[in-house]
Amino acid sequence: MAVPETDGWVYEGYEPVDGQSYVCSAYVAALLREGGIFGDIEINATEFTPGDISDLNIFDDNGDDRPDVCIGADPKLPYC
């Protein structure tokens, strides 16, 4: 039977790497969660894949609100 991995699982007996384990996309999702990007939404970071991370719509892409320094640095980039 398969059980989805959940945040906070601690792996033991694999010296010297005992402790929590994250693949790259899960690590990024955990950082975004701890940074407040998801607000009050509860997420399990270990369920995120690289595709999930790249599909997140977390950037403000309203070009009108970008500071002049951002527009000057890259006029075509829709976020700062």
PDB file of N, CA and C in Angstrom:
ATOM      1  N   MET A   1       0.848  -1.166   0.000  1.00  0.00           N
ATOM      2  CA  MET A   1       0.000   0.000   0.000  1.00  0.00           C
ATOM      3  C   MET A   1       0.900   1.238   0.000  1.00  0.00           C
ATOM      4  N   ALA A   2       0.564   2.214  -0.803  1.00  0.00           N
ATOM      5  CA  ALA A   2       1.331   3.453  -0.874  1.00  0.00           C
ATOM      6  C   ALA A   2       0.711   4.504   0.040  1.00  0.00           C
ATOM      7  N   VAL A   3       1.571   5.238   0.712  1.00  0.00           N
ATOM      8  CA  VAL A   3       1.142   6.327   1.586  1.00  0.00           C
ATOM      9  C   VAL A   3       1.889   7.581   1.130  1.00  0.00           C
ATOM     10  N   PRO A   4       1.179   8.669   0.852  1.00  0.00           N
ATOM     11  CA  PRO A   4       1.876   9.887   0.446  1.00  0.00           C
ATOM     12  C   PRO A   4       2.774  10.392   1.564  1.00  0.00           C
ATOM     13  N   GLU A   5       3.954  10.810   1.184  1.00  0.00           N
ATOM     14  CA  GLU A   5       4.868  11.396   2.159  1.00  0.00           C
ATOM     15  C   GLU A   5       4.287  12.719   2.635  1.00  0.00           C
ATOM     16  N   THR A   6       4.427  13.013   3.898  1.00  0.00           N
ATOM     17  CA  THR A   6       3.923  14.275   4.437  1.00  0.00           C
ATOM     18  C   THR A   6       5.076  15.085   5.002  1.00  0.00           C
ATOM     19  N   ASP A   7       4.883  16.396   5.034  1.00  0.00           N
ATOM     20  CA  ASP A   7       5.897  17.276   5.605  1.00  0.00           C
ATOM     21  C   ASP A   7       6.162  16.885   7.048  1.00  0.00           C
ATOM     22  N   GLY A   8       7.404  16.957   7.420  1.00  0.00           N
ATOM     23  CA  GLY A   8       7.761  16.681   8.804  1.00  0.00           C
ATOM     24  C   GLY A   8       8.206  15.256   9.077  1.00  0.00           C
ATOM     25  N   TRP A   9       8.068  14.353   8.109  1.00  0.00           N
ATOM     26  CA  TRP A   9       8.565  12.999   8.334  1.00  0.00           C
ATOM     27  C   TRP A   9      10.061  13.059   8.575  1.00  0.00           C
ATOM     28  N   VAL A  10      10.513  12.348   9.582  1.00  0.00           N
ATOM     29  CA  VAL A  10      11.933  12.296   9.907  1.00  0.00           C
ATOM     30  C   VAL A  10      12.443  10.902   9.576  1.00  0.00           C
ATOM     31  N   TYR A  11      13.487  10.875   8.774  1.00  0.00           N
ATOM     32  CA  TYR A  11      14.094   9.608   8.372  1.00  0.00           C
ATOM     33  C   TYR A  11      15.280   9.324   9.278  1.00  0.00           C
ATOM     34  N   GLU A  12      15.322   8.110   9.813  1.00  0.00           N
ATOM     35  CA  GLU A  12      16.393   7.731  10.729  1.00  0.00           C
ATOM     36  C   GLU A  12      17.073   6.473  10.222  1.00  0.00           C
ATOM     37  N   GLY A  13      18.339   6.318  10.597  1.00  0.00           N
ATOM     38  CA  GLY A  13      19.085   5.124  10.220  1.00  0.00           C
ATOM     39  C   GLY A  13      19.817   5.267   8.903  1.00  0.00           C
ATOM     40  N   TYR A  14      19.871   6.487   8.390  1.00  0.00           N
ATOM     41  CA  TYR A  14      20.569   6.731   7.135  1.00  0.00           C
ATOM     42  C   TYR A  14      21.702   7.732   7.362  1.00  0.00           C
ATOM     43  N   GLU A  15      22.567   7.443   8.352  1.00  0.00           N
ATOM     44  CA  GLU A  15      23.669   8.345   8.690  1.00  0.00           C
ATOM     45  C   GLU A  15      24.468   8.651   7.444  1.00  0.00           C
ATOM     46  N   PRO A  16      24.939   9.810   7.194  1.00  0.00           N
ATOM     47  CA  PRO A  16      24.825  11.043   7.986  1.00  0.00           C
ATOM     48  C   PRO A  16      23.672  11.935   7.544  1.00  0.00           C
ATOM     49  N   VAL A  17      22.678  11.377   6.913  1.00  0.00           N
ATOM     50  CA  VAL A  17      21.597  12.204   6.371  1.00  0.00           C
ATOM     51  C   VAL A  17      20.278  12.011   7.112  1.00  0.00           C
ATOM     52  N   ASP A  18      20.329  11.672   8.377  1.00  0.00           N
ATOM     53  CA  ASP A  18      19.097  11.561   9.164  1.00  0.00           C
ATOM     54  C   ASP A  18      18.369  12.906   9.180  1.00  0.00           C
ATOM     55  N   GLY A  19      17.066  12.867   9.276  1.00  0.00           N
ATOM     56  CA  GLY A  19      16.282  14.086   9.392  1.00  0.00           C
ATOM     57  C   GLY A  19      15.256  14.187   8.291  1.00  0.00           C
ATOM     58  N   GLN A  20      14.739  15.383   8.084  1.00  0.00           N
ATOM     59  CA  GLN A  20      13.737  15.607   7.046  1.00  0.00           C
ATOM     60  C   GLN A  20      14.418  15.581   5.682  1.00  0.00           C
ATOM     61  N   SER A  21      13.676  15.156   4.694  1.00  0.00           N
ATOM     62  CA  SER A  21      14.221  15.054   3.346  1.00  0.00           C
ATOM     63  C   SER A  21      13.256  15.690   2.355  1.00  0.00           C
ATOM     64  N   TYR A  22      13.780  16.557   1.495  1.00  0.00           N
ATOM     65  CA  TYR A  22      12.972  17.213   0.464  1.00  0.00           C
ATOM     66  C   TYR A  22      13.696  17.116  -0.875  1.00  0.00           C
ATOM     67  N   VAL A  23      12.966  16.822  -1.932  1.00  0.00           N
ATOM     68  CA  VAL A  23      13.517  16.998  -3.276  1.00  0.00           C
ATOM     69  C   VAL A  23      13.410  18.479  -3.602  1.00  0.00           C
ATOM     70  N   CYS A  24      14.029  18.904  -4.690  1.00  0.00           N
ATOM     71  CA  CYS A  24      14.141  20.345  -4.981  1.00  0.00           C
ATOM     72  C   CYS A  24      12.791  21.053  -5.019  1.00  0.00           C
ATOM     73  N   SER A  25      11.817  20.496  -5.699  1.00  0.00           N
ATOM     74  CA  SER A  25      10.524  21.176  -5.823  1.00  0.00           C
ATOM     75  C   SER A  25       9.792  21.238  -4.489  1.00  0.00           C
ATOM     76  N   ALA A  26       9.898  20.199  -3.685  1.00  0.00           N
ATOM     77  CA  ALA A  26       9.260  20.207  -2.366  1.00  0.00           C
ATOM     78  C   ALA A  26       9.932  21.230  -1.458  1.00  0.00           C
ATOM     79  N   TYR A  27      11.239  21.358  -1.586  1.00  0.00           N
ATOM     80  CA  TYR A  27      11.975  22.343  -0.783  1.00  0.00           C
ATOM     81  C   TYR A  27      11.525  23.760  -1.142  1.00  0.00           C
ATOM     82  N   VAL A  28      11.395  24.043  -2.432  1.00  0.00           N
ATOM     83  CA  VAL A  28      10.940  25.361  -2.874  1.00  0.00           C
ATOM     84  C   VAL A  28       9.519  25.617  -2.374  1.00  0.00           C
ATOM     85  N   ALA A  29       8.639  24.620  -2.483  1.00  0.00           N
ATOM     86  CA  ALA A  29       7.264  24.781  -2.007  1.00  0.00           C
ATOM     87  C   ALA A  29       7.240  25.058  -0.508  1.00  0.00           C
ATOM     88  N   ALA A  30       8.101  24.385   0.257  1.00  0.00           N
ATOM     89  CA  ALA A  30       8.171  24.618   1.702  1.00  0.00           C
ATOM     90  C   ALA A  30       8.662  26.033   2.000  1.00  0.00           C
ATOM     91  N   LEU A  31       9.644  26.506   1.236  1.00  0.00           N
ATOM     92  CA  LEU A  31      10.129  27.883   1.429  1.00  0.00           C
ATOM     93  C   LEU A  31       9.046  28.898   1.104  1.00  0.00           C
ATOM     94  N   LEU A  32       8.322  28.673   0.014  1.00  0.00           N
ATOM     95  CA  LEU A  32       7.233  29.588  -0.344  1.00  0.00           C
ATOM     96  C   LEU A  32       6.143  29.584   0.727  1.00  0.00           C
ATOM     97  N   ARG A  33       5.830  28.402   1.249  1.00  0.00           N
ATOM     98  CA  ARG A  33       4.811  28.301   2.294  1.00  0.00           C
ATOM     99  C   ARG A  33       5.244  29.072   3.533  1.00  0.00           C
ATOM    100  N   GLU A  34       6.491  28.864   3.958  1.00  0.00           N
ATOM    101  CA  GLU A  34       6.986  29.536   5.161  1.00  0.00           C
ATOM    102  C   GLU A  34       7.107  31.040   4.944  1.00  0.00           C
ATOM    103  N   GLY A  35       7.291  31.462   3.695  1.00  0.00           N
ATOM    104  CA  GLY A  35       7.358  32.880   3.373  1.00  0.00           C
ATOM    105  C   GLY A  35       5.998  33.538   3.257  1.00  0.00           C
ATOM    106  N   GLY A  36       4.926  32.754   3.365  1.00  0.00           N
ATOM    107  CA  GLY A  36       3.576  33.305   3.366  1.00  0.00           C
ATOM    108  C   GLY A  36       2.947  33.443   1.992  1.00  0.00           C
ATOM    109  N   ILE A  37       3.559  32.904   0.962  1.00  0.00           N
ATOM    110  CA  ILE A  37       3.039  33.041  -0.402  1.00  0.00           C
ATOM    111  C   ILE A  37       1.643  32.427  -0.531  1.00  0.00           C
ATOM    112  N   PHE A  38       1.383  31.338   0.177  1.00  0.00           N
ATOM    113  CA  PHE A  38       0.105  30.637   0.047  1.00  0.00           C
ATOM    114  C   PHE A  38      -0.966  31.158   1.002  1.00  0.00           C
ATOM    115  N   GLY A  39      -0.630  32.126   1.821  1.00  0.00           N
ATOM    116  CA  GLY A  39      -1.609  32.685   2.752  1.00  0.00           C
ATOM    117  C   GLY A  39      -2.074  31.633   3.750  1.00  0.00           C
ATOM    118  N   ASP A  40      -3.391  31.513   3.910  1.00  0.00           N
ATOM    119  CA  ASP A  40      -3.963  30.577   4.878  1.00  0.00           C
ATOM    120  C   ASP A  40      -4.183  29.182   4.313  1.00  0.00           C
ATOM    121  N   ILE A  41      -3.813  28.971   3.063  1.00  0.00           N
ATOM    122  CA  ILE A  41      -4.010  27.658   2.443  1.00  0.00           C
ATOM    123  C   ILE A  41      -2.997  26.675   3.023  1.00  0.00           C
ATOM    124  N   GLU A  42      -3.482  25.533   3.501  1.00  0.00           N
ATOM    125  CA  GLU A  42      -2.583  24.503   4.014  1.00  0.00           C
ATOM    126  C   GLU A  42      -2.115  23.633   2.857  1.00  0.00           C
ATOM    127  N   ILE A  43      -0.805  23.521   2.689  1.00  0.00           N
ATOM    128  CA  ILE A  43      -0.258  22.686   1.624  1.00  0.00           C
ATOM    129  C   ILE A  43       0.694  21.660   2.206  1.00  0.00           C
ATOM    130  N   ASN A  44       0.868  20.578   1.492  1.00  0.00           N
ATOM    131  CA  ASN A  44       1.861  19.564   1.815  1.00  0.00           C
ATOM    132  C   ASN A  44       2.957  19.718   0.762  1.00  0.00           C
ATOM    133  N   ALA A  45       4.066  20.332   1.141  1.00  0.00           N
ATOM    134  CA  ALA A  45       5.116  20.679   0.186  1.00  0.00           C
ATOM    135  C   ALA A  45       5.677  19.461  -0.536  1.00  0.00           C
ATOM    136  N   THR A  46       5.684  18.314   0.098  1.00  0.00           N
ATOM    137  CA  THR A  46       6.269  17.129  -0.527  1.00  0.00           C
ATOM    138  C   THR A  46       5.449  16.606  -1.699  1.00  0.00           C
ATOM    139  N   GLU A  47       4.255  17.127  -1.891  1.00  0.00           N
ATOM    140  CA  GLU A  47       3.441  16.706  -3.024  1.00  0.00           C
ATOM    141  C   GLU A  47       3.680  17.553  -4.272  1.00  0.00           C
ATOM    142  N   PHE A  48       4.507  18.595  -4.176  1.00  0.00           N
ATOM    143  CA  PHE A  48       4.770  19.472  -5.309  1.00  0.00           C
ATOM    144  C   PHE A  48       5.831  18.869  -6.220  1.00  0.00           C
ATOM    145  N   THR A  49       5.575  18.955  -7.524  1.00  0.00           N
ATOM    146  CA  THR A  49       6.547  18.525  -8.532  1.00  0.00           C
ATOM    147  C   THR A  49       7.170  19.779  -9.152  1.00  0.00           C
ATOM    148  N   PRO A  50       8.261  19.636  -9.916  1.00  0.00           N
ATOM    149  CA  PRO A  50       8.818  20.813 -10.588  1.00  0.00           C
ATOM    150  C   PRO A  50       7.786  21.518 -11.471  1.00  0.00           C
ATOM    151  N   GLY A  51       6.926  20.761 -12.140  1.00  0.00           N
ATOM    152  CA  GLY A  51       5.883  21.368 -12.970  1.00  0.00           C
ATOM    153  C   GLY A  51       4.898  22.177 -12.147  1.00  0.00           C
ATOM    154  N   ASP A  52       4.563  21.677 -10.953  1.00  0.00           N
ATOM    155  CA  ASP A  52       3.650  22.417 -10.072  1.00  0.00           C
ATOM    156  C   ASP A  52       4.258  23.756  -9.675  1.00  0.00           C
ATOM    157  N   ILE A  53       5.535  23.752  -9.357  1.00  0.00           N
ATOM    158  CA  ILE A  53       6.207  24.990  -8.952  1.00  0.00           C
ATOM    159  C   ILE A  53       6.203  25.994 -10.095  1.00  0.00           C
ATOM    160  N   SER A  54       6.525  25.526 -11.305  1.00  0.00           N
ATOM    161  CA  SER A  54       6.583  26.461 -12.436  1.00  0.00           C
ATOM    162  C   SER A  54       5.198  26.947 -12.852  1.00  0.00           C
ATOM    163  N   ASP A  55       4.145  26.218 -12.517  1.00  0.00           N
ATOM    164  CA  ASP A  55       2.788  26.623 -12.869  1.00  0.00           C
ATOM    165  C   ASP A  55       2.151  27.579 -11.853  1.00  0.00           C
ATOM    166  N   LEU A  56       2.800  27.779 -10.711  1.00  0.00           N
ATOM    167  CA  LEU A  56       2.229  28.676  -9.711  1.00  0.00           C
ATOM    168  C   LEU A  56       2.140  30.094 -10.275  1.00  0.00           C
ATOM    169  N   ASN A  57       1.044  30.727 -10.031  1.00  0.00           N
ATOM    170  CA  ASN A  57       0.852  32.096 -10.484  1.00  0.00           C
ATOM    171  C   ASN A  57       1.092  33.025  -9.292  1.00  0.00           C
ATOM    172  N   ILE A  58       2.363  33.185  -8.919  1.00  0.00           N
ATOM    173  CA  ILE A  58       2.697  33.934  -7.705  1.00  0.00           C
ATOM    174  C   ILE A  58       3.305  35.300  -7.997  1.00  0.00           C
ATOM    175  N   PHE A  59       3.547  35.600  -9.275  1.00  0.00           N
ATOM    176  CA  PHE A  59       4.141  36.885  -9.612  1.00  0.00           C
ATOM    177  C   PHE A  59       3.058  37.873 -10.015  1.00  0.00           C
ATOM    178  N   ASP A  60       3.244  39.125  -9.630  1.00  0.00           N
ATOM    179  CA  ASP A  60       2.352  40.192 -10.049  1.00  0.00           C
ATOM    180  C   ASP A  60       2.789  40.593 -11.448  1.00  0.00           C
ATOM    181  N   ASP A  61       2.047  40.177 -12.448  1.00  0.00           N
ATOM    182  CA  ASP A  61       2.463  40.445 -13.825  1.00  0.00           C
ATOM    183  C   ASP A  61       1.725  41.634 -14.444  1.00  0.00           C
ATOM    184  N   ASN A  62       1.208  42.497 -13.596  1.00  0.00           N
ATOM    185  CA  ASN A  62       0.591  43.725 -14.081  1.00  0.00           C
ATOM    186  C   ASN A  62       1.717  44.734 -14.298  1.00  0.00           C
ATOM    187  N   GLY A  63       2.158  44.870 -15.554  1.00  0.00           N
ATOM    188  CA  GLY A  63       3.304  45.706 -15.879  1.00  0.00           C
ATOM    189  C   GLY A  63       3.153  47.163 -15.482  1.00  0.00           C
ATOM    190  N   ASP A  64       1.938  47.636 -15.326  1.00  0.00           N
ATOM    191  CA  ASP A  64       1.727  49.040 -14.981  1.00  0.00           C
ATOM    192  C   ASP A  64       2.176  49.366 -13.566  1.00  0.00           C
ATOM    193  N   ASP A  65       2.251  48.371 -12.696  1.00  0.00           N
ATOM    194  CA  ASP A  65       2.595  48.602 -11.299  1.00  0.00           C
ATOM    195  C   ASP A  65       4.083  48.449 -11.019  1.00  0.00           C
ATOM    196  N   ARG A  66       4.874  48.113 -12.026  1.00  0.00           N
ATOM    197  CA  ARG A  66       6.299  47.901 -11.779  1.00  0.00           C
ATOM    198  C   ARG A  66       7.014  49.229 -11.551  1.00  0.00           C
ATOM    199  N   PRO A  67       7.970  49.250 -10.604  1.00  0.00           N
ATOM    200  CA  PRO A  67       8.769  50.463 -10.400  1.00  0.00           C
ATOM    201  C   PRO A  67       9.607  50.779 -11.641  1.00  0.00           C
ATOM    202  N   ASP A  68       9.935  52.043 -11.820  1.00  0.00           N
ATOM    203  CA  ASP A  68      10.714  52.466 -12.984  1.00  0.00           C
ATOM    204  C   ASP A  68      12.041  51.730 -13.097  1.00  0.00           C
ATOM    205  N   VAL A  69      12.667  51.414 -11.966  1.00  0.00           N
ATOM    206  CA  VAL A  69      13.949  50.720 -12.007  1.00  0.00           C
ATOM    207  C   VAL A  69      13.792  49.329 -12.628  1.00  0.00           C
ATOM    208  N   CYS A  70      12.674  48.670 -12.387  1.00  0.00           N
ATOM    209  CA  CYS A  70      12.419  47.353 -12.978  1.00  0.00           C
ATOM    210  C   CYS A  70      12.157  47.470 -14.479  1.00  0.00           C
ATOM    211  N   ILE A  71      11.375  48.456 -14.849  1.00  0.00           N
ATOM    212  CA  ILE A  71      11.073  48.673 -16.261  1.00  0.00           C
ATOM    213  C   ILE A  71      12.349  49.022 -17.016  1.00  0.00           C
ATOM    214  N   GLY A  72      13.197  49.829 -16.399  1.00  0.00           N
ATOM    215  CA  GLY A  72      14.460  50.200 -17.022  1.00  0.00           C
ATOM    216  C   GLY A  72      15.408  49.017 -17.177  1.00  0.00           C
ATOM    217  N   ALA A  73      15.397  48.117 -16.205  1.00  0.00           N
ATOM    218  CA  ALA A  73      16.282  46.953 -16.262  1.00  0.00           C
ATOM    219  C   ALA A  73      15.847  45.944 -17.300  1.00  0.00           C
ATOM    220  N   ASP A  74      14.541  45.741 -17.438  1.00  0.00           N
ATOM    221  CA  ASP A  74      14.020  44.785 -18.428  1.00  0.00           C
ATOM    222  C   ASP A  74      12.594  45.186 -18.785  1.00  0.00           C
ATOM    223  N   PRO A  75      12.433  45.992 -19.821  1.00  0.00           N
ATOM    224  CA  PRO A  75      11.116  46.527 -20.155  1.00  0.00           C
ATOM    225  C   PRO A  75      10.082  45.459 -20.544  1.00  0.00           C
ATOM    226  N   LYS A  76      10.527  44.313 -21.037  1.00  0.00           N
ATOM    227  CA  LYS A  76       9.585  43.291 -21.511  1.00  0.00           C
ATOM    228  C   LYS A  76       9.175  42.290 -20.426  1.00  0.00           C
ATOM    229  N   LEU A  77       9.914  42.237 -19.335  1.00  0.00           N
ATOM    230  CA  LEU A  77       9.592  41.299 -18.259  1.00  0.00           C
ATOM    231  C   LEU A  77       8.340  41.776 -17.541  1.00  0.00           C
ATOM    232  N   PRO A  78       7.302  40.909 -17.425  1.00  0.00           N
ATOM    233  CA  PRO A  78       6.027  41.380 -16.867  1.00  0.00           C
ATOM    234  C   PRO A  78       6.008  41.490 -15.336  1.00  0.00           C
ATOM    235  N   TYR A  79       7.085  41.145 -14.673  1.00  0.00           N
ATOM    236  CA  TYR A  79       7.140  41.275 -13.210  1.00  0.00           C
ATOM    237  C   TYR A  79       8.500  41.820 -12.814  1.00  0.00           C
ATOM    238  N   CYS A  80       8.607  42.282 -11.567  1.00  0.00           N
ATOM    239  CA  CYS A  80       9.842  42.903 -11.103  1.00  0.00           C
ATOM    240  C   CYS A  80      10.656  41.898 -10.302  1.00  0.00           C
TER     241      CYS A  80
END
